[in-house]
Amino acid sequence: MKITGYRTLVVSTPWRNITILQLETDEGITGLGEARIVGKTHTVLEYLKDVRRHIIGYDVFDIEHLYQRFTLLDFGSPGEVVMTGLALVEMACWDVIGKKCNLPVYQLIGGKVREKLPAYANGWYTVQRKPEEFAKAAHKVVAKGYQALKFDPFGSGNMELTRQEYYKSLDLIEAVYSVTGKEVQILIEMHGRFAPHQAVEIARAIEKYNPGWIEEPCRPEDPDALQYVAMHTSIPIATGERLYQANQYRELFKQRSVHIIQPDINQCGGLLEVKKICSTAETHSMMVALHNVGGIITTMASIHLMVGLRNGKMLEHFNDFADQDIKKCGNPYPEVVDGYFSLPAGPGWGVTLNEDYLKSAKVNLVDGVIQDPGLNMFQNESWNKRGK
């Protein structure tokens, strides 16, 4: 079955753009991919025009060849933009394959090892950085049935925190823990902010709360810094959302400096490449909690992969708390019920686009270029409000 064309759609929110790609084939079957890339939506769309020659006319079943065309034939070393463009097309190919075979994608890549998948909440703390406000917001997450929640309390921290910001951040963590207690797990996001000594100081101060992990404590391109942090805290280390190729995980696996990896399907080349990374992680006794800041398609695709991972842990979810209208992009949306995603149904991803909503969705354009609002989290202390 040959690819004959594609179209792209972009849905903007106050802090993120969701890009959807619909692939067309000579058998009339269409497939959906999705991506969210910070600050480069326009760039990815233009890149796809550059590599149209790698897309049109090829068989949707040849996933490995698709990867080779994008990453080898143009000779340059692929990075975030290339791997995101590849993921958009690759994910759409899997949707087509599932529809052709009349099977959900997870049944095409090894089947399932669980009937439901634990979810954790993110994007819920769009409030002032005050302990009482964080506590109120955490109550809403717990009331919705989530058994884990993640947050970054560190304002615009970079390398080190001032003493005032350090203790303010600890107060925010304490306030959230006063709500969650031992029943709901807290996950501490650091967004690669800190020098190793600062990450260690924070980790030691919060070990009493038994967090499920600290995430990206140091810059993602510095595995030695991660190793230092891991050697000086009992809290598990998670990282991976800003690693875009399998070879970028090599040092992490070699050093065993992390405990949970977090590749993102829509920025790491798509489903098959991420599955390979996750399988390698299993041989190093590491667990997987896929990064997911996406809409309906990325969320659904991530569920399809994670229900079949023997080392799967849980999946991130924003859309109950941040930009809930994103759920309207398609049907049926994979809702979290009592802290879990259900097993996907239907062929392919099992998603149908809501064309009426997508036609009404607004995109922020300046001189014909789609704008990326982003979060500016290293300068804006209130980035956590996510445009609210």
Protein backbone atom coordinates (compact mmCIF):
# COMPACT_ATOMS: atom_id res chain seq x y z
CA MET A 1 0.00 0.00 0.00
CA LYS A 2 1.64 3.23 -1.18
CA ILE A 3 1.56 6.68 0.40
CA THR A 4 0.01 9.19 -2.00
CA GLY A 5 -0.11 12.36 0.09
CA TYR A 6 -0.51 13.97 3.47
CA ARG A 7 -2.00 17.03 5.12
CA THR A 8 -1.10 18.78 8.37
CA LEU A 9 -3.24 20.60 10.92
CA VAL A 10 -2.11 22.69 13.88
CA VAL A 11 -4.11 23.42 17.04
CA SER A 12 -2.74 26.17 19.29
CA THR A 13 -3.20 26.64 23.03
CA PRO A 14 -1.77 29.34 25.30
CA TRP A 15 1.42 27.30 25.82
CA ARG A 16 1.68 24.53 23.23
CA ASN A 17 0.93 23.69 19.63
CA ILE A 18 -0.40 20.26 18.65
CA THR A 19 0.50 19.26 15.08
CA ILE A 20 -1.54 16.52 13.42
CA LEU A 21 -0.51 14.75 10.22
CA GLN A 22 -3.00 12.73 8.19
CA LEU A 23 -1.43 10.31 5.73
CA GLU A 24 -3.24 9.28 2.54
CA THR A 25 -2.77 6.01 0.63
CA ASP A 26 -3.68 4.51 -2.73
CA GLU A 27 -6.21 2.22 -1.02
CA GLY A 28 -8.10 5.13 0.50
CA ILE A 29 -7.02 4.30 4.04
CA THR A 30 -5.78 7.28 6.05
CA GLY A 31 -3.60 7.35 9.16
CA LEU A 32 -2.88 9.86 11.90
CA GLY A 33 0.32 11.06 13.52
CA GLU A 34 0.83 13.84 16.04
CA ALA A 35 3.63 15.89 17.59
CA ARG A 36 4.28 18.74 19.97
CA ILE A 37 7.66 20.43 19.59
CA VAL A 38 8.68 23.51 21.57
CA GLY A 39 9.42 26.57 19.44
CA LYS A 40 9.68 24.77 16.11
CA THR A 41 6.19 24.01 14.79
CA HIS A 42 6.74 26.03 11.61
CA THR A 43 10.19 24.50 11.16
CA VAL A 44 8.85 20.93 11.31
CA LEU A 45 6.10 21.70 8.81
CA GLU A 46 8.63 23.19 6.39
CA TYR A 47 10.97 20.24 6.96
CA LEU A 48 8.23 17.84 5.90
CA LYS A 49 8.04 19.71 2.60
CA ASP A 50 11.81 19.24 2.19
CA VAL A 51 11.56 15.47 2.70
CA ARG A 52 8.36 14.88 0.74
CA ARG A 53 10.54 12.73 -1.54
CA HIS A 54 11.06 10.37 1.43
CA ILE A 55 7.31 10.02 2.03
CA ILE A 56 5.30 9.91 -1.20
CA GLY A 57 5.27 6.68 -3.21
CA TYR A 58 6.59 4.39 -0.48
CA ASP A 59 4.93 1.41 1.18
CA VAL A 60 3.42 2.19 4.61
CA PHE A 61 4.51 -1.23 5.89
CA ASP A 62 8.22 -0.47 5.42
CA ILE A 63 8.76 1.30 8.74
CA GLU A 64 12.47 0.46 8.95
CA HIS A 65 13.07 1.85 5.47
CA LEU A 66 11.18 5.01 6.42
CA TYR A 67 13.55 5.46 9.36
CA GLN A 68 16.55 4.91 7.09
CA ARG A 69 15.34 7.42 4.50
CA PHE A 70 14.92 10.16 7.11
CA THR A 71 18.08 9.52 9.13
CA LEU A 72 20.67 8.18 6.68
CA LEU A 73 19.99 9.24 3.11
CA ASP A 74 20.32 12.96 3.77
CA PHE A 75 23.70 12.29 5.41
CA GLY A 76 23.44 14.87 8.22
CA SER A 77 23.07 13.80 11.85
CA PRO A 78 19.34 13.84 12.69
CA GLY A 79 18.17 15.92 15.65
CA GLU A 80 14.94 17.09 17.25
CA VAL A 81 13.34 18.46 14.08
CA VAL A 82 14.17 15.45 11.90
CA MET A 83 13.06 12.93 14.53
CA THR A 84 9.80 14.81 15.11
CA GLY A 85 9.04 14.92 11.39
CA LEU A 86 9.83 11.22 11.15
CA ALA A 87 7.58 10.47 14.12
CA LEU A 88 4.61 12.27 12.55
CA VAL A 89 4.85 10.09 9.45
CA GLU A 90 5.80 6.88 11.26
CA MET A 91 2.89 7.10 13.68
CA ALA A 92 0.50 7.68 10.77
CA CYS A 93 1.89 4.59 9.02
CA TRP A 94 1.10 2.43 12.06
CA ASP A 95 -2.46 3.78 12.10
CA VAL A 96 -2.86 2.81 8.44
CA ILE A 97 -1.35 -0.64 9.06
CA GLY A 98 -3.73 -1.26 11.96
CA LYS A 99 -6.73 -0.23 9.87
CA LYS A 100 -5.60 -2.43 6.98
CA CYS A 101 -5.24 -5.42 9.31
CA ASN A 102 -8.38 -4.47 11.26
CA LEU A 103 -6.42 -4.69 14.50
CA PRO A 104 -5.38 -2.23 17.22
CA VAL A 105 -1.73 -1.32 16.91
CA TYR A 106 -0.73 -2.93 20.21
CA GLN A 107 -1.73 -6.32 18.78
CA LEU A 108 0.70 -5.78 15.89
CA ILE A 109 3.74 -5.11 18.11
CA GLY A 110 3.58 -7.97 20.60
CA GLY A 111 0.19 -7.68 22.25
CA LYS A 112 -0.54 -6.67 25.83
CA VAL A 113 0.79 -7.54 29.25
CA ARG A 114 -1.83 -5.52 31.17
CA GLU A 115 -5.51 -4.66 30.84
CA LYS A 116 -5.15 -1.08 32.08
CA LEU A 117 -2.33 1.43 32.42
CA PRO A 118 -1.58 3.68 35.42
CA ALA A 119 -1.68 7.40 34.64
CA TYR A 120 -0.13 10.34 36.45
CA ALA A 121 -1.32 13.94 36.31
CA ASN A 122 0.63 16.94 35.09
CA GLY A 123 -0.38 20.51 34.20
CA TRP A 124 -2.64 20.70 37.26
CA TYR A 125 -0.79 23.46 39.18
CA THR A 126 -1.68 26.49 37.06
CA VAL A 127 -1.88 28.65 40.18
CA GLN A 128 0.22 31.13 42.15
CA ARG A 129 3.36 29.69 43.71
CA LYS A 130 1.92 29.68 47.21
CA PRO A 131 1.65 26.58 49.41
CA GLU A 132 -2.09 26.98 49.97
CA GLU A 133 -2.72 27.32 46.21
CA PHE A 134 -0.65 24.25 45.36
CA ALA A 135 -2.48 22.30 48.07
CA LYS A 136 -5.90 23.28 46.71
CA ALA A 137 -4.87 22.27 43.20
CA ALA A 138 -3.51 18.94 44.45
CA HIS A 139 -6.84 18.22 46.15
CA LYS A 140 -8.53 18.38 42.72
CA VAL A 141 -6.10 15.82 41.29
CA VAL A 142 -6.65 13.42 44.16
CA ALA A 143 -10.42 13.87 43.93
CA LYS A 144 -10.27 12.87 40.26
CA GLY A 145 -8.78 9.50 41.22
CA TYR A 146 -5.16 9.91 40.15
CA GLN A 147 -2.69 7.89 42.19
CA ALA A 148 0.35 9.96 41.19
CA LEU A 149 1.01 13.59 40.24
CA LYS A 150 4.03 15.49 38.96
CA PHE A 151 5.06 19.10 39.42
CA ASP A 152 7.96 21.52 39.14
CA PRO A 153 7.92 23.91 42.14
CA PHE A 154 11.22 25.62 41.30
CA GLY A 155 10.03 28.79 39.54
CA SER A 156 12.65 30.01 37.06
CA GLY A 157 15.52 28.19 38.80
CA ASN A 158 18.71 27.71 36.79
CA MET A 159 21.83 25.92 38.08
CA GLU A 160 21.30 27.10 41.68
CA LEU A 161 18.39 28.49 43.68
CA THR A 162 18.67 31.47 45.96
CA ARG A 163 18.09 30.54 49.59
CA GLN A 164 14.69 32.24 49.43
CA GLU A 165 13.68 30.25 46.34
CA TYR A 166 15.12 27.04 47.76
CA TYR A 167 12.95 27.15 50.88
CA LYS A 168 9.93 28.42 48.96
CA SER A 169 10.19 25.40 46.66
CA LEU A 170 10.47 23.03 49.62
CA ASP A 171 7.37 24.63 51.16
CA LEU A 172 5.44 23.96 47.95
CA ILE A 173 6.48 20.31 47.96
CA GLU A 174 5.50 19.97 51.61
CA ALA A 175 2.11 21.53 50.88
CA VAL A 176 1.38 19.04 48.11
CA TYR A 177 2.53 16.12 50.25
CA SER A 178 0.19 17.27 53.03
CA VAL A 179 -2.62 16.49 50.58
CA THR A 180 -1.29 13.34 48.91
CA GLY A 181 0.26 11.66 51.95
CA LYS A 182 1.37 8.09 51.42
CA GLU A 183 -1.61 7.16 49.24
CA VAL A 184 -0.81 9.28 46.17
CA GLN A 185 2.76 9.40 44.89
CA ILE A 186 4.48 12.70 44.16
CA LEU A 187 6.91 13.02 41.25
CA ILE A 188 9.30 15.98 41.27
CA GLU A 189 10.07 17.59 37.92
CA MET A 190 13.34 19.53 37.68
CA HIS A 191 13.39 20.24 33.92
CA GLY A 192 17.19 19.88 33.72
CA ARG A 193 17.62 23.01 35.80
CA PHE A 194 20.34 22.25 38.27
CA ALA A 195 24.02 21.80 38.80
CA PRO A 196 24.57 18.40 40.43
CA HIS A 197 25.27 19.76 43.92
CA GLN A 198 21.99 21.74 43.90
CA ALA A 199 19.99 18.75 42.70
CA VAL A 200 21.51 16.63 45.47
CA GLU A 201 20.72 19.21 48.16
CA ILE A 202 17.08 19.29 47.05
CA ALA A 203 16.87 15.50 46.78
CA ARG A 204 18.18 14.97 50.29
CA ALA A 205 15.71 17.52 51.67
CA ILE A 206 12.71 15.73 50.11
CA GLU A 207 13.68 12.08 50.57
CA LYS A 208 11.35 12.00 53.60
CA TYR A 209 8.38 12.38 51.22
CA ASN A 210 9.35 9.25 49.27
CA PRO A 211 8.86 10.74 45.79
CA GLY A 212 8.54 8.28 42.93
CA TRP A 213 11.35 10.04 41.11
CA ILE A 214 13.15 13.27 40.47
CA GLU A 215 13.05 14.07 36.78
CA GLU A 216 15.83 15.61 34.70
CA PRO A 217 17.74 16.96 37.72
CA CYS A 218 20.59 18.15 35.45
CA ARG A 219 21.08 19.08 31.81
CA PRO A 220 20.05 16.12 29.62
CA GLU A 221 23.31 16.17 27.63
CA ASP A 222 25.42 15.64 30.79
CA PRO A 223 25.13 11.97 31.84
CA ASP A 224 28.04 12.30 34.27
CA ALA A 225 26.05 14.90 36.22
CA LEU A 226 23.11 12.48 36.40
CA GLN A 227 25.41 9.77 37.65
CA TYR A 228 26.68 12.07 40.41
CA VAL A 229 23.12 12.81 41.55
CA ALA A 230 22.17 9.13 41.47
CA MET A 231 25.14 8.28 43.68
CA HIS A 232 24.06 10.82 46.32
CA THR A 233 20.33 10.17 46.75
CA SER A 234 18.02 7.24 47.33
CA ILE A 235 15.31 8.78 45.11
CA PRO A 236 14.99 7.17 41.66
CA ILE A 237 16.16 9.29 38.71
CA ALA A 238 14.02 9.70 35.57
CA THR A 239 15.04 11.30 32.29
CA GLY A 240 14.75 11.01 28.51
CA GLU A 241 12.23 13.47 27.09
CA ARG A 242 15.00 15.51 25.42
CA LEU A 243 16.88 12.54 24.01
CA TYR A 244 15.83 12.09 20.39
CA GLN A 245 17.73 9.01 19.20
CA ALA A 246 18.50 5.58 20.57
CA ASN A 247 22.24 6.27 20.60
CA GLN A 248 21.70 9.15 23.05
CA TYR A 249 20.65 6.58 25.64
CA ARG A 250 23.90 4.65 25.32
CA GLU A 251 25.73 6.33 28.19
CA LEU A 252 22.69 6.19 30.46
CA PHE A 253 22.47 2.45 29.95
CA LYS A 254 26.20 1.97 30.32
CA GLN A 255 26.44 4.01 33.52
CA ARG A 256 23.11 2.81 34.95
CA SER A 257 22.71 6.36 36.20
CA VAL A 258 18.91 6.45 35.83
CA HIS A 259 16.08 4.19 36.94
CA ILE A 260 13.22 5.29 34.69
CA ILE A 261 13.54 6.38 31.05
CA GLN A 262 11.05 8.78 29.44
CA PRO A 263 11.31 8.79 25.66
CA ASP A 264 8.63 10.72 23.78
CA ILE A 265 7.05 8.90 20.83
CA ASN A 266 6.46 12.10 18.90
CA GLN A 267 10.01 13.43 19.17
CA CYS A 268 12.05 10.24 19.11
CA GLY A 269 11.27 8.83 15.69
CA GLY A 270 7.93 7.20 16.45
CA LEU A 271 6.58 3.98 17.87
CA LEU A 272 9.06 1.37 16.68
CA GLU A 273 12.21 3.30 17.58
CA VAL A 274 10.88 4.04 21.06
CA LYS A 275 9.90 0.40 21.55
CA LYS A 276 13.48 -0.61 20.77
CA ILE A 277 14.81 1.89 23.31
CA CYS A 278 12.38 0.58 25.92
CA SER A 279 13.37 -3.03 25.26
CA THR A 280 17.03 -2.13 25.72
CA ALA A 281 16.12 -0.41 28.98
CA GLU A 282 14.53 -3.66 30.17
CA THR A 283 17.84 -5.49 29.69
CA HIS A 284 19.32 -2.93 32.11
CA SER A 285 16.48 -3.38 34.64
CA MET A 286 15.15 0.13 33.95
CA MET A 287 11.48 1.04 33.84
CA VAL A 288 9.64 3.20 31.31
CA ALA A 289 7.29 6.14 31.83
CA LEU A 290 6.81 7.67 28.39
CA HIS A 291 6.85 11.46 28.19
CA ASN A 292 3.47 12.67 26.94
CA VAL A 293 2.55 16.33 26.48
CA GLY A 294 0.41 15.51 23.46
CA GLY A 295 -3.22 15.41 22.47
CA ILE A 296 -5.50 12.52 21.64
CA ILE A 297 -3.25 10.77 19.09
CA THR A 298 0.01 10.88 21.04
CA THR A 299 -1.80 9.83 24.20
CA MET A 300 -3.51 6.94 22.45
CA ALA A 301 -0.32 5.83 20.67
CA SER A 302 1.59 5.92 23.96
CA ILE A 303 -1.05 3.71 25.56
CA HIS A 304 -0.79 1.23 22.66
CA LEU A 305 2.95 0.94 23.27
CA MET A 306 2.92 0.90 27.06
CA VAL A 307 0.27 -1.80 27.50
CA GLY A 308 2.76 -4.18 25.89
CA LEU A 309 5.93 -3.11 27.73
CA ARG A 310 7.02 -5.58 30.39
CA ASN A 311 8.96 -2.77 32.07
CA GLY A 312 6.23 -0.14 31.71
CA LYS A 313 5.53 2.01 34.78
CA MET A 314 2.92 4.73 34.08
CA LEU A 315 1.96 7.36 31.53
CA GLU A 316 1.89 11.15 31.83
CA HIS A 317 -1.37 13.02 31.18
CA PHE A 318 -2.00 16.78 30.92
CA ASN A 319 -5.39 17.10 29.31
CA ASP A 320 -7.59 16.72 32.38
CA PHE A 321 -6.17 19.96 33.78
CA ALA A 322 -4.43 22.00 31.04
CA ASP A 323 -6.20 22.89 27.77
CA GLN A 324 -9.07 20.45 28.16
CA ASP A 325 -10.45 21.54 24.79
CA ILE A 326 -7.57 19.59 23.20
CA LYS A 327 -9.67 16.51 23.88
CA LYS A 328 -12.11 17.71 21.21
CA CYS A 329 -9.61 17.07 18.38
CA GLY A 330 -10.87 13.53 17.95
CA ASN A 331 -12.97 10.65 19.28
CA PRO A 332 -13.04 8.66 21.44
CA TYR A 333 -10.69 10.37 23.89
CA PRO A 334 -8.79 7.94 26.19
CA GLU A 335 -10.07 9.19 29.53
CA VAL A 336 -8.38 8.41 32.84
CA VAL A 337 -10.79 6.58 35.17
CA ASP A 338 -9.80 5.94 38.79
CA GLY A 339 -6.18 6.61 37.89
CA TYR A 340 -5.95 4.31 34.85
CA PHE A 341 -6.16 4.37 31.08
CA SER A 342 -8.20 1.53 29.55
CA LEU A 343 -7.02 -0.84 26.85
CA PRO A 344 -7.50 0.81 23.42
CA ALA A 345 -10.18 -0.53 21.09
CA GLY A 346 -10.72 -0.25 17.37
CA PRO A 347 -8.32 -0.71 14.43
CA GLY A 348 -5.12 1.36 14.27
CA TRP A 349 -5.05 3.97 17.02
CA GLY A 350 -8.84 3.78 17.21
CA VAL A 351 -9.18 7.57 16.74
CA THR A 352 -11.37 9.58 14.36
CA LEU A 353 -10.68 13.30 13.86
CA ASN A 354 -13.31 15.86 14.83
CA GLU A 355 -13.14 17.90 11.63
CA ASP A 356 -15.62 20.53 12.81
CA TYR A 357 -13.55 21.34 15.88
CA LEU A 358 -10.29 21.36 13.94
CA LYS A 359 -11.72 23.79 11.37
CA SER A 360 -12.67 26.17 14.17
CA ALA A 361 -9.35 25.88 16.01
CA LYS A 362 -7.22 29.03 15.92
CA VAL A 363 -3.53 29.24 15.13
CA ASN A 364 -1.36 32.20 16.09
CA LEU A 365 0.36 33.50 12.93
CA VAL A 366 2.87 36.33 12.56
CA ASP A 367 4.02 37.07 9.00
CA GLY A 368 2.74 33.65 7.97
CA VAL A 369 4.79 31.81 10.60
CA ILE A 370 3.05 29.73 13.27
CA GLN A 371 4.07 31.04 16.67
CA ASP A 372 5.10 28.81 19.55
CA PRO A 373 4.13 30.30 22.91
CA GLY A 374 6.30 27.96 24.98
CA LEU A 375 6.77 28.41 28.72
CA ASN A 376 10.01 30.39 29.10
CA MET A 377 10.56 28.51 32.35
CA PHE A 378 14.13 29.71 32.93
CA GLN A 379 13.07 33.38 33.06
CA ASN A 380 9.37 33.48 33.92
CA GLU A 381 8.78 32.53 37.55
CA SER A 382 5.06 32.01 36.86
CA TRP A 383 5.45 29.75 33.80
CA ASN A 384 3.48 27.05 35.63
CA LYS A 385 0.26 28.99 34.97
CA ARG A 386 0.60 27.90 31.33
CA GLY A 387 -0.95 31.03 29.87
CA LYS A 388 -3.81 31.26 32.36
